[in-house]
Structure formats: structure tokens, C-alpha cells
Amino acid sequence: GPDAGATAPASDGAVAAGEELAAARAEAAERLDDLRRLQAEYVNYRRRVERDREANREAAKAEVLAELLGVLDDIGRAREHGDLTGAFRSVGEALESVTAKAGLVRFGEPGDAFDPMIHEALMHGYSDDVEVATCTQILQPGYRIGERVIRPARVAVAEPTEALPATAADSPGEDDSAENKDDQS
């Protein structure tokens, strides 16, 4: 009987309710995944904005400090000539202190190995006193902030005498250059 018919619709309803529940759970899981993805995108966005903000701040600082290099050069020249005295000396030292606190680092000393990434060679020569290309004179100091070079050091460079081109180092005779080539082999 009648009881069999009554239980069938109830079990159909339970199956339908179970399917609705499964569909609702799947939709909830999908929405949760969407929410997590959105949250991750937002976190990445904030990191990117902060990184860009910091990069812009560093670029602006470098631009301002680059504008002060000429003034720092004048202060350095005045110091070399003994003209950095009195109030001018105080102002010069204060400016150097402020730029150092901002991260500006002066570089370039006679005797430094020449590095084309941070030095600009304005003069070139040869010397028996060096084993590698060496800065012999600093014509204008270089400046950097962190690893970023704001201005390369402008230098005079000496290379080892053995780096002289063959035509300059050899005597005028062709025989000498042939012997030198054989000796190098």
C-alpha cells in the first residue's frame, strides 16, 4: 500500500534537499575561493603600491641630492684651497652632514682599481707602478645612494705599461715584433 506511496515522495524530497544542500555548499566553497583570491590580490596590490611609493620616494631623494652635487663640489674645492672658513665652513659641514644622513656617499680615491661602472675616465696613461687599470687622480668625486650611482667619479686612469699597444712598445724594426709574438705563444 498506501504507506509505500507516502514514503516515496518523502525520500524524493530528501534527495532533492540533499542535492540543494550540496549545490549550496559548492556555491559557498566557490564564493570562499573567490573571496580568498580577492584578498590575495588586494594584499599583492598593497605591497606593489608600497614598493612603488618607496621607489618614487628614493627617486625624488636622488633627484634632489643630484641637484646639490655642484654645491658639494664647490665646498670640496673651497676646502682644498683653504677657503672654507667661518660661517661658510659651518654651512658646508651642515650640508655635507644632511646629505650623508639622506644616504649620499662620496667615492673615488687615488689608487682605486678602475671600474667603468662607477668611474668615468677623462684622462688615460700607462705606468710601471700599477698592475691593473688604476685611478691615479680624482678629477671630480663620484656619488651614490646605496648601490645607485648618482654621478660616476671622473678620473685619470693609468694602465700597466705591458698593456701598451704593440706598435708603441716595440722598437721601429719589424723583427722585434715578430720575436715578441713568438715569445708570447
Protein backbone atom coordinates (compact mmCIF):
# COMPACT_ATOMS: atom_id res chain seq x y z
CA GLY A 1 0.00 0.00 0.00
CA PRO A 2 -0.70 3.43 0.78
CA ASP A 3 2.32 3.59 3.08
CA ALA A 4 4.71 2.73 0.23
CA GLY A 5 3.45 5.67 -1.82
CA ALA A 6 3.81 8.02 1.12
CA THR A 7 7.44 7.13 1.75
CA ALA A 8 8.48 7.53 -1.88
CA PRO A 9 7.67 11.26 -2.11
CA ALA A 10 9.37 11.85 1.23
CA SER A 11 12.55 10.14 0.03
CA ASP A 12 12.36 12.15 -3.24
CA GLY A 13 12.13 15.30 -1.12
CA ALA A 14 15.11 14.23 0.97
CA VAL A 15 17.13 13.55 -2.18
CA ALA A 16 16.13 16.96 -3.59
CA ALA A 17 17.03 18.67 -0.30
CA GLY A 18 20.38 16.84 -0.25
CA GLU A 19 21.09 17.97 -3.82
CA GLU A 20 20.17 21.57 -2.92
CA LEU A 21 22.43 21.37 0.13
CA ALA A 22 25.32 20.01 -1.97
CA ALA A 23 24.77 22.75 -4.58
CA ALA A 24 24.66 25.41 -1.84
CA ARG A 25 27.87 24.04 -0.29
CA ALA A 26 29.60 24.02 -3.70
CA GLU A 27 28.48 27.60 -4.32
CA ALA A 28 29.65 28.65 -0.84
CA ALA A 29 33.05 27.00 -1.44
CA GLU A 30 33.30 28.78 -4.80
CA ARG A 31 32.46 32.14 -3.18
CA LEU A 32 35.02 31.45 -0.43
CA ASP A 33 37.67 30.73 -3.09
CA ASP A 34 36.71 33.98 -4.87
CA LEU A 35 37.00 35.87 -1.57
CA ARG A 36 40.42 34.35 -0.83
CA ARG A 37 41.64 35.17 -4.35
CA LEU A 38 40.37 38.75 -3.98
CA GLN A 39 42.06 39.05 -0.60
CA ALA A 40 45.38 37.77 -2.03
CA GLU A 41 45.09 40.23 -4.95
CA TYR A 42 44.47 43.07 -2.50
CA VAL A 43 47.50 42.10 -0.37
CA ASN A 44 49.66 41.98 -3.53
CA TYR A 45 48.23 45.33 -4.66
CA ARG A 46 49.12 46.94 -1.31
CA ARG A 47 52.67 45.51 -1.48
CA ARG A 48 53.08 46.80 -5.04
CA VAL A 49 51.78 50.26 -4.09
CA GLU A 50 54.12 50.42 -1.08
CA ARG A 51 57.08 49.26 -3.21
CA ASP A 52 56.22 51.86 -5.89
CA ARG A 53 55.80 54.55 -3.23
CA GLU A 54 59.23 53.71 -1.79
CA ALA A 55 60.80 53.69 -5.29
CA ASN A 56 59.25 57.10 -6.03
CA ARG A 57 60.49 58.45 -2.69
CA GLU A 58 64.04 57.19 -3.46
CA ALA A 59 63.93 58.64 -6.99
CA ALA A 60 62.79 62.03 -5.66
CA LYS A 61 65.51 61.99 -2.99
CA ALA A 62 68.15 61.09 -5.61
CA GLU A 63 66.92 63.90 -7.86
CA VAL A 64 67.20 66.50 -5.08
CA LEU A 65 70.62 65.22 -3.99
CA ALA A 66 71.85 65.22 -7.61
CA GLU A 67 70.98 68.93 -7.79
CA LEU A 68 73.21 69.54 -4.75
CA LEU A 69 76.32 67.85 -6.22
CA GLY A 70 77.60 71.10 -7.75
CA VAL A 71 77.33 72.82 -4.36
CA LEU A 72 79.14 69.91 -2.69
CA ASP A 73 81.86 70.16 -5.38
CA ASP A 74 82.25 73.89 -4.62
CA ILE A 75 82.54 73.14 -0.89
CA GLY A 76 85.19 70.49 -1.61
CA ARG A 77 87.20 72.86 -3.82
CA ALA A 78 86.99 75.62 -1.19
CA ARG A 79 88.21 73.15 1.46
CA GLU A 80 91.17 72.11 -0.78
CA HIS A 81 92.18 75.75 -1.25
CA GLY A 82 91.79 76.64 2.44
CA ASP A 83 88.87 78.96 1.70
CA LEU A 84 86.34 77.00 3.78
CA THR A 85 86.33 79.12 6.95
CA GLY A 86 83.93 80.76 9.39
CA ALA A 87 80.22 80.65 8.69
CA PHE A 88 80.77 79.21 5.21
CA ARG A 89 82.58 76.26 6.81
CA SER A 90 79.64 75.66 9.18
CA VAL A 91 77.14 75.78 6.32
CA GLY A 92 79.30 73.45 4.21
CA GLU A 93 79.67 70.93 7.02
CA ALA A 94 75.93 71.09 7.77
CA LEU A 95 75.09 70.46 4.11
CA GLU A 96 77.52 67.53 3.94
CA SER A 97 76.02 66.12 7.14
CA VAL A 98 72.43 66.41 5.86
CA THR A 99 73.28 64.79 2.52
CA ALA A 100 75.13 61.96 4.29
CA LYS A 101 72.09 61.34 6.54
CA ALA A 102 69.98 61.18 3.37
CA GLY A 103 72.26 58.36 2.17
CA LEU A 104 74.55 60.23 -0.24
CA VAL A 105 78.01 58.63 -0.25
CA ARG A 106 81.04 60.22 -1.90
CA PHE A 107 83.51 57.85 -3.57
CA GLY A 108 86.66 57.83 -5.64
CA GLU A 109 90.18 57.82 -4.23
CA PRO A 110 93.56 57.75 -5.98
CA GLY A 111 94.67 54.11 -6.03
CA ASP A 112 91.17 52.67 -6.54
CA ALA A 113 91.01 49.98 -9.22
CA PHE A 114 89.28 51.49 -12.26
CA ASP A 115 85.69 50.26 -12.59
CA PRO A 116 83.78 51.57 -15.63
CA MET A 117 80.51 51.05 -13.73
CA ILE A 118 81.41 53.77 -11.21
CA HIS A 119 84.29 55.69 -12.83
CA GLU A 120 84.42 57.86 -15.94
CA ALA A 121 87.93 58.04 -17.40
CA LEU A 122 88.72 61.58 -18.57
CA MET A 123 92.48 61.03 -18.85
CA HIS A 124 94.42 57.89 -19.74
CA GLY A 125 98.04 56.84 -19.50
CA TYR A 126 100.44 53.98 -18.72
CA SER A 127 102.59 53.36 -15.66
CA ASP A 128 105.11 50.82 -14.39
CA ASP A 129 103.70 51.43 -10.89
CA VAL A 130 100.32 49.70 -11.44
CA GLU A 131 99.33 46.09 -12.10
CA VAL A 132 95.72 46.79 -13.13
CA ALA A 133 93.95 49.85 -14.53
CA THR A 134 94.08 52.24 -11.57
CA CYS A 135 92.63 55.67 -10.78
CA THR A 136 95.67 57.92 -10.37
CA GLN A 137 93.81 61.19 -9.91
CA ILE A 138 90.22 62.05 -8.94
CA LEU A 139 89.18 64.99 -11.08
CA GLN A 140 85.65 65.03 -9.64
CA PRO A 141 84.35 62.70 -6.90
CA GLY A 142 81.52 60.31 -7.59
CA TYR A 143 78.36 59.99 -5.52
CA ARG A 144 75.94 57.17 -4.90
CA ILE A 145 72.89 56.39 -2.81
CA GLY A 146 73.02 52.76 -1.78
CA GLU A 147 74.10 50.88 -4.90
CA ARG A 148 72.70 53.52 -7.28
CA VAL A 149 75.41 55.72 -8.81
CA ILE A 150 74.17 59.33 -8.96
CA ARG A 151 77.34 60.53 -10.67
CA PRO A 152 80.42 58.48 -11.61
CA ALA A 153 83.78 59.62 -10.27
CA ARG A 154 85.64 61.41 -13.06
CA VAL A 155 89.20 60.15 -13.01
CA ALA A 156 92.62 59.90 -14.61
CA VAL A 157 93.50 56.25 -15.23
CA ALA A 158 96.85 54.52 -15.60
CA GLU A 159 97.15 51.05 -17.10
CA PRO A 160 100.16 48.76 -16.66
CA THR A 161 102.93 49.51 -19.16
CA GLU A 162 102.67 45.97 -20.58
CA ALA A 163 99.17 46.92 -21.76
CA LEU A 164 100.67 49.41 -24.22
CA PRO A 165 99.70 48.62 -27.81
CA ALA A 166 102.41 46.55 -29.56
CA THR A 167 103.28 49.32 -32.03
CA ALA A 168 104.04 51.78 -29.23
CA ALA A 169 106.02 49.38 -27.02
CA ASP A 170 108.18 47.84 -29.77
CA SER A 171 111.13 49.41 -31.49
CA PRO A 172 110.57 50.53 -35.11
CA GLY A 173 112.00 47.28 -36.57
CA GLU A 174 109.62 44.55 -37.72
CA ASP A 175 111.95 41.78 -36.42
CA ASP A 176 111.35 42.78 -32.78
CA SER A 177 107.58 42.47 -33.06
CA ALA A 178 107.92 39.02 -34.67
CA GLU A 179 110.16 37.88 -31.79
CA ASN A 180 107.69 39.24 -29.23
CA LYS A 181 104.84 37.38 -30.87
CA ASP A 182 106.84 34.13 -30.77
CA ASP A 183 107.70 34.73 -27.09
CA GLN A 184 104.01 35.17 -26.21
CA SER A 185 102.97 31.87 -27.83
